[in-house]
Structures are given as structure tokens and as C-alpha cells.
Amino acid sequence: MRGYKLFCIGLLLLILSGCESWLQDIGLVDIKKIKGPCTITLVDGTLIETPHSLEISIRTEAITYRDEDGKLWSLFKEEYESYNCQ
């Protein structure tokens, strides 16, 4: 019986992980991952290019990215104008 419960829980988690957009819609997942490379345009027109993926908070619209050296950076909505990923 215990094995059956673990199987059901595992199956449920597998199904829910495939429904990431649905989980975002109902507020259970706040981070949207976008595969890189990406270009971010700042409000002053400066371009930031990263070979890595972006993570965007759906709630705050903050972007988190890594530069070429692997250093982690965050930008808030007031700091960037747009982003584009390939």
C-alpha cells in the first residue's frame, strides 16, 4: 500500500511538472526560464548580452541572468526596456 501511495505521488508530481504554464497561471510557480543566449536592452539603450538563460519573476518582472564569467545579476523592471532570447 505504501508503494502505491509513493507511486501516485510521483505520478502527480510528474504530471504537474509538465503543466508549468498552468502552475504559473495559478501562482504556484513564479519563475519563468527562457533559454539563452539572450540580449537585454536597458532603459538607457545599453545592451547586455549573455550566453546563458534568463530567469524572470512573473510577479515582479525582475530578470536574473549570468554574465560571461558566471556572475549572477538581477535587473528590475525599471532598469530594463526589453529582452530577446534566441
C-alpha atoms as a PDB file:
ATOM      1  CA  MET A   1       0.000   0.000   0.000  1.00  0.00           C
ATOM      2  CA  ARG A   2       2.861   2.379   0.843  1.00  0.00           C
ATOM      3  CA  GLY A   3       4.467   1.717  -2.544  1.00  0.00           C
ATOM      4  CA  TYR A   4       1.195   2.542  -4.281  1.00  0.00           C
ATOM      5  CA  LYS A   5       0.957   5.890  -2.453  1.00  0.00           C
ATOM      6  CA  LEU A   6       4.523   6.770  -3.390  1.00  0.00           C
ATOM      7  CA  PHE A   7       3.816   5.821  -6.995  1.00  0.00           C
ATOM      8  CA  CYS A   8       0.709   8.052  -7.053  1.00  0.00           C
ATOM      9  CA  ILE A   9       2.591  10.983  -5.536  1.00  0.00           C
ATOM     10  CA  GLY A  10       5.424  10.545  -8.039  1.00  0.00           C
ATOM     11  CA  LEU A  11       2.966  10.365 -10.912  1.00  0.00           C
ATOM     12  CA  LEU A  12       1.198  13.509  -9.712  1.00  0.00           C
ATOM     13  CA  LEU A  13       4.495  15.405  -9.488  1.00  0.00           C
ATOM     14  CA  LEU A  14       5.433  14.260 -12.975  1.00  0.00           C
ATOM     15  CA  ILE A  15       2.102  15.446 -14.363  1.00  0.00           C
ATOM     16  CA  LEU A  16       2.329  18.793 -12.577  1.00  0.00           C
ATOM     17  CA  SER A  17       5.885  19.408 -13.773  1.00  0.00           C
ATOM     18  CA  GLY A  18       4.596  19.069 -17.331  1.00  0.00           C
ATOM     19  CA  CYS A  19       1.987  21.722 -16.629  1.00  0.00           C
ATOM     20  CA  GLU A  20       4.397  24.532 -15.778  1.00  0.00           C
ATOM     21  CA  SER A  21       2.382  27.225 -17.559  1.00  0.00           C
ATOM     22  CA  TRP A  22      -0.746  26.155 -15.674  1.00  0.00           C
ATOM     23  CA  LEU A  23       1.151  26.296 -12.385  1.00  0.00           C
ATOM     24  CA  GLN A  24       2.349  29.791 -13.308  1.00  0.00           C
ATOM     25  CA  ASP A  25      -1.212  30.851 -14.111  1.00  0.00           C
ATOM     26  CA  ILE A  26      -2.484  29.854 -10.680  1.00  0.00           C
ATOM     27  CA  GLY A  27       0.511  31.395  -8.906  1.00  0.00           C
ATOM     28  CA  LEU A  28       2.309  28.278  -7.691  1.00  0.00           C
ATOM     29  CA  VAL A  29       5.366  28.896  -9.857  1.00  0.00           C
ATOM     30  CA  ASP A  30       6.764  32.434 -10.018  1.00  0.00           C
ATOM     31  CA  ILE A  31       9.870  31.910 -12.159  1.00  0.00           C
ATOM     32  CA  LYS A  32       9.806  31.633 -15.939  1.00  0.00           C
ATOM     33  CA  LYS A  33      13.011  30.282 -17.514  1.00  0.00           C
ATOM     34  CA  ILE A  34      13.972  31.319 -21.034  1.00  0.00           C
ATOM     35  CA  LYS A  35      16.846  29.571 -22.822  1.00  0.00           C
ATOM     36  CA  GLY A  36      19.721  31.746 -23.993  1.00  0.00           C
ATOM     37  CA  PRO A  37      21.684  33.282 -25.463  1.00  0.00           C
ATOM     38  CA  CYS A  38      19.835  36.500 -24.643  1.00  0.00           C
ATOM     39  CA  THR A  39      20.135  40.240 -25.149  1.00  0.00           C
ATOM     40  CA  ILE A  40      18.708  42.653 -22.597  1.00  0.00           C
ATOM     41  CA  THR A  41      18.114  46.305 -23.536  1.00  0.00           C
ATOM     42  CA  LEU A  42      18.444  48.698 -20.604  1.00  0.00           C
ATOM     43  CA  VAL A  43      16.382  51.893 -20.363  1.00  0.00           C
ATOM     44  CA  ASP A  44      19.443  53.972 -21.328  1.00  0.00           C
ATOM     45  CA  GLY A  45      19.874  51.921 -24.523  1.00  0.00           C
ATOM     46  CA  THR A  46      22.799  49.822 -23.289  1.00  0.00           C
ATOM     47  CA  LEU A  47      22.742  46.197 -24.460  1.00  0.00           C
ATOM     48  CA  ILE A  48      23.662  43.315 -22.172  1.00  0.00           C
ATOM     49  CA  GLU A  49      24.413  40.033 -23.910  1.00  0.00           C
ATOM     50  CA  THR A  50      24.521  36.753 -22.048  1.00  0.00           C
ATOM     51  CA  PRO A  51      25.199  33.282 -23.418  1.00  0.00           C
ATOM     52  CA  HIS A  52      23.128  31.823 -20.585  1.00  0.00           C
ATOM     53  CA  SER A  53      19.400  31.562 -19.919  1.00  0.00           C
ATOM     54  CA  LEU A  54      17.266  34.150 -18.170  1.00  0.00           C
ATOM     55  CA  GLU A  55      15.000  33.648 -15.192  1.00  0.00           C
ATOM     56  CA  ILE A  56      12.126  36.104 -14.936  1.00  0.00           C
ATOM     57  CA  SER A  57       9.888  36.577 -11.928  1.00  0.00           C
ATOM     58  CA  ILE A  58       6.318  36.633 -13.170  1.00  0.00           C
ATOM     59  CA  ARG A  59       5.165  38.622 -10.154  1.00  0.00           C
ATOM     60  CA  THR A  60       7.872  41.339 -10.093  1.00  0.00           C
ATOM     61  CA  GLU A  61       9.157  41.043 -13.707  1.00  0.00           C
ATOM     62  CA  ALA A  62      12.735  41.056 -12.361  1.00  0.00           C
ATOM     63  CA  ILE A  63      15.292  39.379 -14.644  1.00  0.00           C
ATOM     64  CA  THR A  64      18.118  37.269 -13.250  1.00  0.00           C
ATOM     65  CA  TYR A  65      20.976  36.323 -15.560  1.00  0.00           C
ATOM     66  CA  ARG A  66      24.626  35.251 -15.536  1.00  0.00           C
ATOM     67  CA  ASP A  67      27.368  37.117 -17.356  1.00  0.00           C
ATOM     68  CA  GLU A  68      30.218  35.524 -19.324  1.00  0.00           C
ATOM     69  CA  ASP A  69      32.160  34.941 -16.086  1.00  0.00           C
ATOM     70  CA  GLY A  70      29.203  33.188 -14.452  1.00  0.00           C
ATOM     71  CA  LYS A  71      28.485  36.078 -12.069  1.00  0.00           C
ATOM     72  CA  LEU A  72      24.798  36.382 -11.150  1.00  0.00           C
ATOM     73  CA  TRP A  73      22.987  39.676 -11.831  1.00  0.00           C
ATOM     74  CA  SER A  74      19.421  40.914 -11.356  1.00  0.00           C
ATOM     75  CA  LEU A  75      17.588  43.716 -13.104  1.00  0.00           C
ATOM     76  CA  PHE A  76      14.254  45.155 -12.028  1.00  0.00           C
ATOM     77  CA  LYS A  77      11.552  46.277 -14.459  1.00  0.00           C
ATOM     78  CA  GLU A  78      12.526  49.940 -14.048  1.00  0.00           C
ATOM     79  CA  GLU A  79      16.070  49.126 -15.201  1.00  0.00           C
ATOM     80  CA  TYR A  80      15.384  47.318 -18.481  1.00  0.00           C
ATOM     81  CA  GLU A  81      13.277  48.054 -21.512  1.00  0.00           C
ATOM     82  CA  SER A  82      13.116  44.646 -23.186  1.00  0.00           C
ATOM     83  CA  TYR A  83      14.822  41.294 -23.661  1.00  0.00           C
ATOM     84  CA  ASN A  84      15.231  38.905 -26.550  1.00  0.00           C
ATOM     85  CA  CYS A  85      16.413  35.294 -26.436  1.00  0.00           C
ATOM     86  CA  GLN A  86      17.360  33.052 -29.348  1.00  0.00           C
END
